[in-house]
């Protein structure tokens, strides 16, 4: 997508700060497909489909595929203003930089805290899923019971190494893993389509009588959660080739692929059992729905492969989030908010290795605390840590949508009103509704008590609000850091 004007500076002048000496990120390393691999891998399509989509079918009926399409369309509308702003905000701070330049530094500092909590929550909780998914795979394939903690700790080491290596190494690895996990779902689809489904193929999933039902609200809550992390395309701007084109293209490709692929795959799962039977099957045994389908239409060997690829899908998601967190840590160190040590870049690999070490250490502490407390890796570590992270990232999307028109009012630009006013306004309404849906259906995500759910919902707003007194303190104690915070 061509840039229509050069990056514009905010109206308030900020002091120039010399760039830190030493090695830097590998600029020009990532193309459109590389960035898209990071984003789609973070979403973990196979894990989302096999682990969550059956619940969406059980609650929303055969109209569930339409819910994923609606979520994709909402985020595509958000991307219109988001990517327009990406051509003018060229720093590495992504969400918090956008929110700073649209809504001011106090909101931006709150957003920076929220981003760190959100991305860390989304990643660290998934180490519990890695442990439990590997347990399930070992039990299914070999009849062996293995402890989850060593698996999660080994996973921490593997993900640290992947983040330590160069960004193009990570992109290639994620490309391979993503092709494998989507490939097994394509194989299932081919088997179902060639055999005509259980009782013939049906388009009833997309008719109003099956979409406009009360259960669709729950489907939409699951669907929006399934896209979490898609906006991380802008985090890689400093390492992208021709970022004014690459970043918007990768964003739209990621949203389009996830929306269409999710909807298609859920529809395939419905066809594999038939419209009349699938809801009952999904309600009775959601964990086995996709494995039963692929065994029936492809073979038992394919179900075994799917078990293995769910583990690699989780690893790909962890690596994608780890790389995103590292770049947020690097950006905040460059800002002077985090200690400069977090901004160290490896001279050979061009990776923010110090931020990666810190993030890995934090993950290890959280995993060990949950293990020492005797808590379940899935029901507690994954769900209790992941859910506040998901809500934090959704809140950041909402704040970024609100920030877009305020930003464009303050600068000279050649972007049209559709990008700068209409699309952000529509996205704000839709994202606000999506957050409300998730909160009102929070028990479906956590399985926790009302008190625990209230705490998890409160984390994101509490962290954001904390940014305002911190901003005031920073303004008085370190005015030079405050003045340049979130600027391109």
Protein backbone atom coordinates (compact mmCIF):
# COMPACT_ATOMS: atom_id res chain seq x y z
CA UNK A 1 0.00 0.00 0.00
CA UNK A 2 1.74 3.22 -1.07
CA UNK A 3 2.47 5.94 1.42
CA UNK A 4 0.62 9.15 0.61
CA UNK A 5 2.77 11.45 2.67
CA UNK A 6 6.06 11.33 4.53
CA UNK A 7 5.97 10.52 8.23
CA UNK A 8 4.71 13.59 10.03
CA UNK A 9 6.01 14.89 13.32
CA UNK A 10 3.73 15.75 16.22
CA UNK A 11 3.00 19.40 16.72
CA UNK A 12 4.83 19.43 20.05
CA UNK A 13 8.58 19.51 19.62
CA UNK A 14 10.56 16.96 21.56
CA UNK A 15 14.22 17.01 22.45
CA UNK A 16 16.48 15.11 20.14
CA UNK A 17 18.15 12.13 21.73
CA UNK A 18 21.24 10.54 20.27
CA UNK A 19 20.79 6.99 19.16
CA UNK A 20 22.45 4.50 21.46
CA UNK A 21 25.79 3.23 20.33
CA UNK A 22 26.36 -0.43 19.60
CA UNK A 23 24.69 -3.09 17.45
CA UNK A 24 21.15 -2.65 16.22
CA UNK A 25 18.23 -4.73 15.03
CA UNK A 26 18.52 -6.35 11.61
CA UNK A 27 16.79 -3.74 9.49
CA UNK A 28 15.34 -4.90 6.20
CA UNK A 29 15.25 -8.54 7.30
CA UNK A 30 11.52 -9.24 7.11
CA UNK A 31 9.20 -9.30 4.13
CA UNK A 32 5.41 -9.39 4.12
CA UNK A 33 5.20 -13.17 4.44
CA UNK A 34 7.71 -13.24 7.31
CA UNK A 35 5.71 -10.75 9.38
CA UNK A 36 2.46 -12.54 8.54
CA UNK A 37 4.00 -15.82 9.79
CA UNK A 38 4.74 -14.19 13.16
CA UNK A 39 1.21 -12.88 13.49
CA UNK A 40 -0.65 -16.01 12.36
CA UNK A 41 1.64 -18.25 14.42
CA UNK A 42 0.86 -16.22 17.54
CA UNK A 43 -2.81 -17.04 16.99
CA UNK A 44 -1.98 -20.81 16.94
CA UNK A 45 -4.67 -21.81 14.39
CA UNK A 46 -4.54 -25.56 15.01
CA UNK A 47 -4.73 -25.18 18.78
CA UNK A 48 -7.58 -22.68 18.50
CA UNK A 49 -9.52 -24.94 16.15
CA UNK A 50 -9.02 -28.29 17.88
CA UNK A 51 -9.15 -26.88 21.41
CA UNK A 52 -11.68 -24.04 21.30
CA UNK A 53 -13.84 -24.25 18.17
CA UNK A 54 -15.77 -27.32 19.45
CA UNK A 55 -16.93 -25.21 22.42
CA UNK A 56 -18.06 -22.49 20.01
CA UNK A 57 -20.10 -25.09 18.09
CA UNK A 58 -21.59 -26.52 21.29
CA UNK A 59 -22.69 -23.07 22.49
CA UNK A 60 -23.53 -21.34 19.22
CA UNK A 61 -24.76 -24.21 17.08
CA UNK A 62 -24.00 -24.71 13.41
CA UNK A 63 -23.88 -20.94 12.82
CA UNK A 64 -20.49 -20.79 14.59
CA UNK A 65 -18.44 -20.27 11.36
CA UNK A 66 -20.19 -16.94 10.75
CA UNK A 67 -18.98 -15.70 14.13
CA UNK A 68 -15.36 -16.02 13.01
CA UNK A 69 -16.14 -14.15 9.80
CA UNK A 70 -17.79 -11.33 11.76
CA UNK A 71 -14.80 -11.05 14.10
CA UNK A 72 -12.45 -10.95 11.11
CA UNK A 73 -14.48 -8.20 9.46
CA UNK A 74 -14.43 -6.13 12.66
CA UNK A 75 -10.65 -6.37 12.93
CA UNK A 76 -10.26 -5.57 9.23
CA UNK A 77 -12.16 -2.33 9.87
CA UNK A 78 -9.82 -1.63 12.80
CA UNK A 79 -6.82 -2.28 10.56
CA UNK A 80 -7.86 0.49 8.13
CA UNK A 81 -7.09 3.30 10.57
CA UNK A 82 -4.37 1.34 12.37
CA UNK A 83 -2.30 0.80 9.22
CA UNK A 84 -2.87 4.36 8.03
CA UNK A 85 -1.35 5.59 11.28
CA UNK A 86 1.53 3.10 10.95
CA UNK A 87 2.91 5.13 8.03
CA UNK A 88 3.26 8.19 10.28
CA UNK A 89 4.34 6.63 13.59
CA UNK A 90 7.68 5.03 12.84
CA UNK A 91 9.04 4.08 16.27
CA UNK A 92 9.26 0.60 17.77
CA UNK A 93 6.68 1.07 20.52
CA UNK A 94 3.68 -0.09 18.47
CA UNK A 95 0.48 0.22 20.50
CA UNK A 96 1.76 2.51 23.20
CA UNK A 97 3.40 4.83 20.67
CA UNK A 98 0.15 5.07 18.71
CA UNK A 99 -1.87 5.75 21.85
CA UNK A 100 0.68 8.30 23.08
CA UNK A 101 0.56 10.31 19.88
CA UNK A 102 -3.22 10.19 19.73
CA UNK A 103 -4.30 10.45 23.35
CA UNK A 104 -1.25 11.89 25.14
CA UNK A 105 1.67 10.66 27.19
CA UNK A 106 -0.22 9.63 30.37
CA UNK A 107 -2.49 7.35 28.33
CA UNK A 108 0.55 6.13 26.41
CA UNK A 109 2.42 5.19 29.58
CA UNK A 110 -0.66 3.34 30.82
CA UNK A 111 -0.80 1.58 27.45
CA UNK A 112 2.88 0.61 27.72
CA UNK A 113 2.21 -1.07 31.07
CA UNK A 114 -0.88 -2.73 29.63
CA UNK A 115 1.08 -4.01 26.63
CA UNK A 116 3.74 -5.61 28.83
CA UNK A 117 1.09 -7.25 31.04
CA UNK A 118 -0.98 -8.29 28.02
CA UNK A 119 1.75 -9.86 25.92
CA UNK A 120 3.43 -11.50 28.92
CA UNK A 121 0.09 -12.89 30.06
CA UNK A 122 -0.63 -14.27 26.59
CA UNK A 123 2.76 -15.98 26.44
CA UNK A 124 3.47 -17.16 29.97
CA UNK A 125 0.09 -18.79 30.42
CA UNK A 126 0.67 -20.82 27.27
CA UNK A 127 3.60 -22.64 28.93
CA UNK A 128 0.90 -24.39 30.94
CA UNK A 129 -0.81 -25.36 27.69
CA UNK A 130 2.52 -26.65 26.35
CA UNK A 131 2.85 -28.91 29.38
CA UNK A 132 -0.72 -30.20 29.28
CA UNK A 133 -0.79 -30.63 25.47
CA UNK A 134 2.45 -32.62 25.58
CA UNK A 135 1.00 -34.76 28.38
CA UNK A 136 -2.07 -35.48 26.25
CA UNK A 137 0.04 -36.30 23.20
CA UNK A 138 2.31 -38.67 25.13
CA UNK A 139 -0.70 -40.37 26.68
CA UNK A 140 -2.48 -40.72 23.33
CA UNK A 141 0.49 -41.96 21.33
CA UNK A 142 2.48 -43.96 23.87
CA UNK A 143 0.21 -44.48 26.88
CA UNK A 144 2.78 -42.64 28.99
CA UNK A 145 2.13 -40.18 31.81
CA UNK A 146 4.77 -37.47 31.93
CA UNK A 147 5.01 -34.53 34.35
CA UNK A 148 4.16 -31.17 32.85
CA UNK A 149 6.78 -29.04 34.65
CA UNK A 150 9.90 -30.37 32.86
CA UNK A 151 8.12 -29.92 29.52
CA UNK A 152 7.28 -26.30 30.31
CA UNK A 153 10.83 -25.57 31.52
CA UNK A 154 12.35 -27.14 28.40
CA UNK A 155 9.91 -25.06 26.40
CA UNK A 156 11.15 -21.91 28.13
CA UNK A 157 14.72 -22.76 27.10
CA UNK A 158 13.73 -23.55 23.51
CA UNK A 159 11.74 -20.33 23.14
CA UNK A 160 14.56 -18.29 24.69
CA UNK A 161 16.97 -19.74 22.11
CA UNK A 162 14.58 -19.01 19.26
CA UNK A 163 14.31 -15.39 20.38
CA UNK A 164 18.07 -15.16 20.92
CA UNK A 165 18.75 -16.09 17.30
CA UNK A 166 18.21 -13.65 14.46
CA UNK A 167 14.71 -12.53 13.52
CA UNK A 168 14.97 -14.14 10.08
CA UNK A 169 15.79 -17.47 11.79
CA UNK A 170 12.58 -17.11 13.80
CA UNK A 171 10.60 -16.23 10.69
CA UNK A 172 11.84 -19.34 8.84
CA UNK A 173 11.11 -21.60 11.81
CA UNK A 174 7.62 -20.19 12.24
CA UNK A 175 7.00 -20.56 8.52
CA UNK A 176 7.72 -24.29 8.70
CA UNK A 177 5.63 -24.82 11.84
CA UNK A 178 2.73 -22.79 10.49
CA UNK A 179 2.64 -24.69 7.20
CA UNK A 180 2.61 -27.96 9.16
CA UNK A 181 -0.24 -27.02 11.51
CA UNK A 182 -2.43 -25.51 8.81
CA UNK A 183 -1.54 -28.39 6.50
CA UNK A 184 -3.11 -31.00 8.78
CA UNK A 185 -6.35 -28.98 8.85
CA UNK A 186 -6.27 -28.67 5.06
CA UNK A 187 -5.82 -32.45 4.92
CA UNK A 188 -8.93 -32.87 7.08
CA UNK A 189 -10.83 -30.48 4.82
CA UNK A 190 -9.78 -32.41 1.72
CA UNK A 191 -10.98 -35.67 3.23
CA UNK A 192 -14.35 -34.22 4.22
CA UNK A 193 -14.92 -32.48 0.89
CA UNK A 194 -13.90 -35.49 -1.23
CA UNK A 195 -16.27 -37.76 0.70
CA UNK A 196 -19.08 -35.22 0.77
CA UNK A 197 -19.19 -34.88 4.54
CA UNK A 198 -21.22 -37.10 6.81
CA UNK A 199 -24.54 -36.57 5.02
CA UNK A 200 -23.73 -34.28 2.12
CA UNK A 201 -22.37 -30.74 2.26
CA UNK A 202 -24.60 -28.00 3.67
CA UNK A 203 -24.48 -24.19 3.66
CA UNK A 204 -26.95 -23.89 6.56
CA UNK A 205 -24.19 -22.51 8.82
CA UNK A 206 -24.41 -19.17 7.02
CA UNK A 207 -28.18 -18.72 6.97
CA UNK A 208 -29.79 -16.08 9.23
CA UNK A 209 -31.86 -18.62 11.14
CA UNK A 210 -28.67 -20.28 12.42
CA UNK A 211 -26.49 -17.16 12.78
CA UNK A 212 -28.99 -14.88 14.53
CA UNK A 213 -29.36 -17.01 17.65
CA UNK A 214 -28.52 -16.22 21.30
CA UNK A 215 -25.50 -18.54 21.29
CA UNK A 216 -23.77 -16.40 18.63
CA UNK A 217 -22.73 -13.97 21.39
CA UNK A 218 -20.61 -16.72 22.97
CA UNK A 219 -19.21 -17.65 19.55
CA UNK A 220 -18.17 -14.05 18.95
CA UNK A 221 -16.41 -13.94 22.32
CA UNK A 222 -14.36 -17.02 21.36
CA UNK A 223 -13.80 -15.69 17.85
CA UNK A 224 -12.36 -12.33 18.92
CA UNK A 225 -10.07 -14.10 21.38
CA UNK A 226 -8.81 -16.29 18.52
CA UNK A 227 -7.35 -13.26 16.72
CA UNK A 228 -5.37 -11.97 19.71
CA UNK A 229 -1.93 -10.76 18.66
CA UNK A 230 -2.72 -10.03 15.00
CA UNK A 231 -1.79 -6.36 15.49
CA UNK A 232 1.83 -7.21 16.32
CA UNK A 233 2.78 -6.59 12.68
CA UNK A 234 3.76 -3.02 13.57
CA UNK A 235 6.20 -4.21 16.24
CA UNK A 236 8.47 -5.45 13.45
CA UNK A 237 8.50 -2.15 11.54
CA UNK A 238 12.17 -1.48 12.31
CA UNK A 239 13.14 -4.88 10.88
CA UNK A 240 10.81 -4.84 7.86
CA UNK A 241 11.72 -4.22 4.23
CA UNK A 242 9.83 -1.18 2.95
CA UNK A 243 7.70 -0.98 6.13
CA UNK A 244 5.17 1.50 4.67
CA UNK A 245 4.05 -1.28 2.34
CA UNK A 246 5.07 -4.44 4.19
CA UNK A 247 3.39 -3.76 7.53
CA UNK A 248 -0.10 -2.90 6.18
CA UNK A 249 0.00 -5.80 3.73
CA UNK A 250 1.02 -8.27 6.45
CA UNK A 251 -1.75 -6.96 8.72
CA UNK A 252 -4.49 -7.39 6.11
CA UNK A 253 -3.15 -10.78 5.03
CA UNK A 254 -3.11 -12.02 8.63
CA UNK A 255 -6.65 -10.83 9.36
CA UNK A 256 -8.03 -12.17 6.09
CA UNK A 257 -6.30 -15.51 6.42
CA UNK A 258 -7.34 -16.06 10.03
CA UNK A 259 -10.95 -15.00 9.45
CA UNK A 260 -11.45 -17.13 6.34
CA UNK A 261 -9.43 -20.10 7.58
CA UNK A 262 -11.17 -20.22 10.96
CA UNK A 263 -14.63 -19.99 9.41
CA UNK A 264 -13.83 -22.61 6.76
CA UNK A 265 -12.29 -25.04 9.26
CA UNK A 266 -15.21 -24.78 11.71
CA UNK A 267 -17.59 -25.38 8.79
CA UNK A 268 -15.56 -28.44 7.81
CA UNK A 269 -15.83 -29.80 11.35
CA UNK A 270 -19.61 -29.36 11.16
CA UNK A 271 -19.77 -31.18 7.82
CA UNK A 272 -17.75 -34.07 9.19
CA UNK A 273 -20.58 -34.90 11.63
CA UNK A 274 -23.58 -33.32 9.91
CA UNK A 275 -25.74 -30.39 10.92
CA UNK A 276 -28.05 -32.49 13.08
CA UNK A 277 -25.35 -34.36 15.02
CA UNK A 278 -22.38 -32.03 15.47
CA UNK A 279 -23.73 -29.88 18.31
CA UNK A 280 -24.39 -32.94 20.46
CA UNK A 281 -20.95 -34.40 19.71
CA UNK A 282 -19.23 -31.09 20.47
CA UNK A 283 -21.08 -30.80 23.77
CA UNK A 284 -20.35 -34.37 24.89
CA UNK A 285 -16.63 -34.50 24.10
CA UNK A 286 -15.25 -31.25 22.68
CA UNK A 287 -11.60 -32.24 23.12
CA UNK A 288 -11.96 -35.18 20.70
CA UNK A 289 -14.13 -33.58 18.01
CA UNK A 290 -11.38 -32.81 15.49
CA UNK A 291 -9.47 -36.02 16.22
CA UNK A 292 -12.59 -38.11 15.62
CA UNK A 293 -13.26 -36.22 12.39
CA UNK A 294 -9.78 -36.67 10.96
CA UNK A 295 -9.72 -40.36 11.99
CA UNK A 296 -12.99 -40.92 10.13
CA UNK A 297 -12.17 -39.01 6.96
CA UNK A 298 -8.38 -39.41 6.67
CA UNK A 299 -7.17 -42.13 9.04
CA UNK A 300 -5.86 -42.83 12.52
CA UNK A 301 -2.33 -41.93 11.49
CA UNK A 302 -3.50 -38.38 10.73
CA UNK A 303 -4.98 -38.07 14.22
CA UNK A 304 -1.58 -39.08 15.63
CA UNK A 305 0.11 -36.42 13.50
CA UNK A 306 -2.44 -33.84 14.67
CA UNK A 307 -1.58 -34.61 18.30
CA UNK A 308 2.09 -33.86 17.59
CA UNK A 309 1.32 -30.74 15.56
CA UNK A 310 -0.77 -29.27 18.36
CA UNK A 311 2.41 -29.27 20.45
CA UNK A 312 4.39 -27.57 17.67
CA UNK A 313 1.51 -25.11 17.20
CA UNK A 314 1.84 -24.10 20.84
CA UNK A 315 5.62 -23.73 20.43
CA UNK A 316 5.12 -21.48 17.39
CA UNK A 317 2.68 -19.31 19.33
CA UNK A 318 5.11 -18.99 22.24
CA UNK A 319 7.97 -17.96 19.96
CA UNK A 320 5.86 -15.36 18.18
CA UNK A 321 4.71 -13.76 21.43
CA UNK A 322 8.24 -13.96 22.88
CA UNK A 323 9.66 -12.00 19.95
CA UNK A 324 6.90 -9.39 20.29
CA UNK A 325 7.54 -8.95 24.02
CA UNK A 326 11.28 -8.61 23.46
CA UNK A 327 10.71 -5.74 21.04
CA UNK A 328 8.39 -3.97 23.43
CA UNK A 329 11.07 -4.29 26.12
CA UNK A 330 13.68 -2.95 23.72
CA UNK A 331 11.48 0.02 22.79
CA UNK A 332 10.85 0.91 26.44
CA UNK A 333 14.56 0.65 27.20
CA UNK A 334 15.28 2.96 24.26
CA UNK A 335 12.70 5.36 25.73
CA UNK A 336 14.59 5.36 29.03
CA UNK A 337 11.64 3.92 30.94
CA UNK A 338 13.17 0.48 31.45
CA UNK A 339 16.86 0.15 32.39
CA UNK A 340 19.23 0.51 29.45
CA UNK A 341 20.37 -3.07 30.01
CA UNK A 342 17.07 -4.28 28.53
CA UNK A 343 17.99 -2.53 25.28
CA UNK A 344 21.12 -4.57 24.61
CA UNK A 345 21.20 -6.12 21.14
CA UNK A 346 23.32 -9.13 20.24
CA UNK A 347 26.20 -8.10 17.97
CA UNK A 348 25.91 -11.19 15.77
CA UNK A 349 22.22 -12.08 15.74
CA UNK A 350 20.79 -8.56 15.97
CA UNK A 351 18.30 -9.75 18.60
CA UNK A 352 17.19 -7.95 21.79
CA UNK A 353 18.70 -10.76 23.84
CA UNK A 354 18.71 -8.97 27.22
CA UNK A 355 14.96 -8.37 27.07
CA UNK A 356 14.57 -12.01 26.04
CA UNK A 357 16.52 -13.22 29.07
CA UNK A 358 14.40 -11.10 31.38
CA UNK A 359 11.16 -12.33 29.82
CA UNK A 360 12.29 -15.96 30.05
CA UNK A 361 13.24 -15.52 33.71
CA UNK A 362 9.82 -14.01 34.46
CA UNK A 363 8.12 -16.91 32.69
CA UNK A 364 10.15 -19.44 34.69
CA UNK A 365 9.20 -17.77 37.98
CA UNK A 366 5.48 -17.79 37.15
CA UNK A 367 5.56 -21.42 35.97
CA UNK A 368 7.41 -22.54 39.09
CA UNK A 369 5.03 -20.66 41.39
CA UNK A 370 1.99 -22.36 39.83
CA UNK A 371 3.73 -25.75 40.04
CA UNK A 372 4.76 -25.23 43.68
CA UNK A 373 1.18 -24.27 44.54
CA UNK A 374 -0.07 -27.54 43.03
CA UNK A 375 -2.20 -25.75 40.42
CA UNK A 376 -3.26 -27.28 37.13
CA UNK A 377 -1.22 -26.26 34.07
CA UNK A 378 -4.32 -25.86 31.90
CA UNK A 379 -7.21 -24.88 34.18
CA UNK A 380 -5.15 -22.45 36.26
CA UNK A 381 -1.80 -21.51 34.67
CA UNK A 382 -3.16 -21.17 31.13
CA UNK A 383 -6.62 -19.79 31.80
CA UNK A 384 -5.90 -17.55 34.78
CA UNK A 385 -2.81 -15.94 33.24
CA UNK A 386 -3.95 -15.93 29.60
CA UNK A 387 -7.36 -14.35 30.17
CA UNK A 388 -6.15 -11.04 31.68
CA UNK A 389 -3.54 -10.91 28.91
CA UNK A 390 -6.20 -11.36 26.25
CA UNK A 391 -8.37 -8.63 27.75
CA UNK A 392 -5.33 -6.34 27.98
CA UNK A 393 -4.56 -6.72 24.27
CA UNK A 394 -8.21 -6.20 23.32
CA UNK A 395 -8.23 -3.02 25.45
CA UNK A 396 -5.11 -1.83 23.60
CA UNK A 397 -6.87 -2.37 20.27
CA UNK A 398 -9.78 -0.26 21.50
CA UNK A 399 -7.50 2.53 22.74
CA UNK A 400 -5.57 2.49 19.46
CA UNK A 401 -8.81 2.82 17.48
CA UNK A 402 -9.83 5.80 19.62
CA UNK A 403 -6.38 7.37 19.16
CA UNK A 404 -6.41 7.34 15.34
CA UNK A 405 -8.75 10.32 14.64
CA UNK A 406 -7.16 12.41 17.41
CA UNK A 407 -3.73 11.82 15.91
CA UNK A 408 -4.75 12.78 12.38
CA UNK A 409 -6.47 15.96 13.60
CA UNK A 410 -3.09 17.22 14.81
CA UNK A 411 -0.96 16.67 11.73
CA UNK A 412 -0.92 17.57 8.06
CA UNK A 413 -1.66 14.50 5.98
CA UNK A 414 -3.25 13.26 2.79
CA UNK A 415 -5.17 10.31 4.23
CA UNK A 416 -8.90 10.25 3.49
CA UNK A 417 -11.73 10.57 5.99
CA UNK A 418 -12.57 6.86 5.61
CA UNK A 419 -9.20 5.89 7.08
CA UNK A 420 -8.89 8.62 9.69
CA UNK A 421 -12.46 9.09 10.99
CA UNK A 422 -15.08 6.65 9.73
CA UNK A 423 -13.22 3.33 10.05
CA UNK A 424 -11.73 4.16 13.48
CA UNK A 425 -15.16 5.26 14.79
CA UNK A 426 -16.81 2.05 13.57
CA UNK A 427 -13.92 -0.02 14.94
CA UNK A 428 -14.25 1.68 18.32
CA UNK A 429 -17.91 0.70 18.57
CA UNK A 430 -17.32 -2.87 17.39
CA UNK A 431 -14.26 -3.46 19.58
CA UNK A 432 -16.10 -2.05 22.59
CA UNK A 433 -18.93 -4.51 21.91
CA UNK A 434 -16.39 -7.35 21.52
CA UNK A 435 -14.81 -6.59 24.91
CA UNK A 436 -18.27 -6.48 26.49
CA UNK A 437 -19.05 -9.90 24.98
CA UNK A 438 -15.85 -11.42 26.35
CA UNK A 439 -16.42 -9.96 29.83
CA UNK A 440 -20.04 -11.13 30.00
CA UNK A 441 -18.94 -14.62 28.95
CA UNK A 442 -15.72 -14.66 30.99
CA UNK A 443 -16.74 -17.85 32.81
CA UNK A 444 -16.50 -19.73 29.49
CA UNK A 445 -12.83 -18.79 29.25
CA UNK A 446 -11.78 -19.41 32.85
CA UNK A 447 -14.10 -21.88 34.54
CA UNK A 448 -13.31 -19.91 37.72
CA UNK A 449 -15.41 -18.47 40.53
CA UNK A 450 -17.14 -15.09 40.16
CA UNK A 451 -14.58 -13.52 42.51
CA UNK A 452 -11.63 -14.85 40.52
CA UNK A 453 -13.29 -13.72 37.28
CA UNK A 454 -13.81 -10.22 38.69
CA UNK A 455 -10.13 -10.01 39.57
CA UNK A 456 -9.07 -11.15 36.09
CA UNK A 457 -11.35 -8.60 34.43
CA UNK A 458 -10.05 -5.84 36.71
CA UNK A 459 -6.37 -6.39 35.87
CA UNK A 460 -6.38 -4.56 32.52
CA UNK A 461 -8.14 -1.34 33.63
CA UNK A 462 -6.17 -1.26 36.89
CA UNK A 463 -2.84 -1.51 35.07
CA UNK A 464 -3.85 1.16 32.55
CA UNK A 465 -5.00 3.58 35.26
CA UNK A 466 -1.72 3.01 37.13
CA UNK A 467 0.04 4.63 34.18
CA UNK A 468 -1.40 8.06 34.99
CA UNK A 469 0.27 8.62 38.39
CA UNK A 470 3.43 7.05 37.00
CA UNK A 471 3.30 9.55 34.12
CA UNK A 472 3.02 12.45 36.56
CA UNK A 473 5.95 11.11 38.55
CA UNK A 474 8.03 10.63 35.41
CA UNK A 475 7.20 14.16 34.24
CA UNK A 476 8.54 15.67 37.47
CA UNK A 477 11.49 13.37 38.15
CA UNK A 478 12.73 12.67 34.60
CA UNK A 479 11.26 15.35 32.35
CA UNK A 480 13.58 14.57 29.44
CA UNK A 481 12.37 10.94 29.37
CA UNK A 482 8.74 12.04 29.65
CA UNK A 483 9.14 14.59 26.84
CA UNK A 484 10.37 12.03 24.31
CA UNK A 485 8.13 9.14 25.38
CA UNK A 486 6.28 7.52 22.49
CA UNK A 487 7.63 9.85 19.80
CA UNK A 488 8.79 8.57 16.41
